[in-house]
Amino acid sequence: MKSFYHYLMKFRHPKPKDEISRFANLAYMDHSFPKSSDAYHEISDYLELSADYMENMSVFDEAWELYKSETAR
């Protein structure tokens, strides 16, 4: 299974159209993001404790649900 970060990068966009695109752009610039992880709690804990750019964790939760539904196949 590909990592969450790898999945999230498909939403990167030079002119973000939505919050997931903004999240993807910020995660891309975050050199400490757990890039190889596919573990919800590891990524969630990182975002809550270390990523000052996450104003709303519901954006992560929405992206996570898309990740799980699209990579479960």
Protein backbone atom coordinates (compact mmCIF):
# COMPACT_ATOMS: atom_id res chain seq x y z
CA MET A 1 0.00 0.00 0.00
CA LYS A 2 1.32 3.46 -0.78
CA SER A 3 1.91 5.85 2.07
CA PHE A 4 -0.62 8.53 2.98
CA TYR A 5 1.90 11.21 1.98
CA HIS A 6 2.35 9.65 -1.46
CA TYR A 7 -1.43 9.56 -1.90
CA LEU A 8 -1.84 13.14 -0.63
CA MET A 9 0.63 14.47 -3.20
CA LYS A 10 -1.88 13.86 -5.99
CA PHE A 11 -3.82 16.83 -4.57
CA ARG A 12 -0.92 19.29 -4.83
CA HIS A 13 -1.77 22.26 -6.99
CA PRO A 14 0.01 25.58 -7.66
CA LYS A 15 -3.29 27.38 -7.02
CA PRO A 16 -5.05 25.28 -4.37
CA LYS A 17 -8.74 24.92 -5.08
CA ASP A 18 -9.77 23.47 -1.73
CA GLU A 19 -8.50 22.70 1.76
CA ILE A 20 -7.11 19.29 0.84
CA SER A 21 -5.01 20.89 -1.91
CA ARG A 22 -3.73 23.47 0.59
CA PHE A 23 -2.94 20.66 3.04
CA ALA A 24 -1.07 18.74 0.33
CA ASN A 25 1.00 21.80 -0.58
CA LEU A 26 1.90 22.45 3.07
CA ALA A 27 2.72 18.78 3.74
CA TYR A 28 5.01 18.84 0.70
CA MET A 29 6.97 21.73 2.21
CA ASP A 30 7.12 20.02 5.63
CA HIS A 31 10.41 18.11 5.60
CA SER A 32 9.53 16.34 8.87
CA PHE A 33 6.19 14.94 7.69
CA PRO A 34 6.09 11.13 8.22
CA LYS A 35 6.33 10.43 4.50
CA SER A 36 6.48 6.65 4.64
CA SER A 37 3.65 6.13 7.14
CA ASP A 38 0.27 4.60 6.47
CA ALA A 39 -0.72 4.67 10.17
CA TYR A 40 -3.56 7.03 11.09
CA HIS A 41 -2.43 7.66 14.69
CA GLU A 42 1.19 8.32 13.77
CA ILE A 43 0.23 10.92 11.17
CA SER A 44 -2.56 12.41 13.27
CA ASP A 45 -0.28 12.76 16.30
CA TYR A 46 2.40 14.38 14.16
CA LEU A 47 -0.06 16.89 12.71
CA GLU A 48 -1.57 17.74 16.10
CA LEU A 49 1.77 18.10 17.91
CA SER A 50 4.25 19.30 15.30
CA ALA A 51 2.53 20.80 12.26
CA ASP A 52 1.60 24.38 13.00
CA TYR A 53 -0.06 24.71 9.59
CA MET A 54 -2.98 22.39 10.48
CA GLU A 55 -5.70 24.73 11.66
CA ASN A 56 -8.46 22.17 11.24
CA MET A 57 -7.87 18.45 11.70
CA SER A 58 -11.11 17.68 9.88
CA VAL A 59 -9.20 18.35 6.64
CA PHE A 60 -6.81 15.52 7.54
CA ASP A 61 -9.74 13.27 8.48
CA GLU A 62 -11.42 13.95 5.13
CA ALA A 63 -8.19 13.25 3.24
CA TRP A 64 -7.64 10.09 5.32
CA GLU A 65 -11.11 8.75 4.44
CA LEU A 66 -10.41 9.33 0.74
CA TYR A 67 -7.03 7.60 1.13
CA LYS A 68 -8.54 4.56 2.84
CA SER A 69 -11.39 4.22 0.34
CA GLU A 70 -9.16 4.61 -2.71
CA THR A 71 -6.29 2.41 -1.53
CA ALA A 72 -8.42 -0.41 -0.07
CA ARG A 73 -8.81 -1.97 -3.51
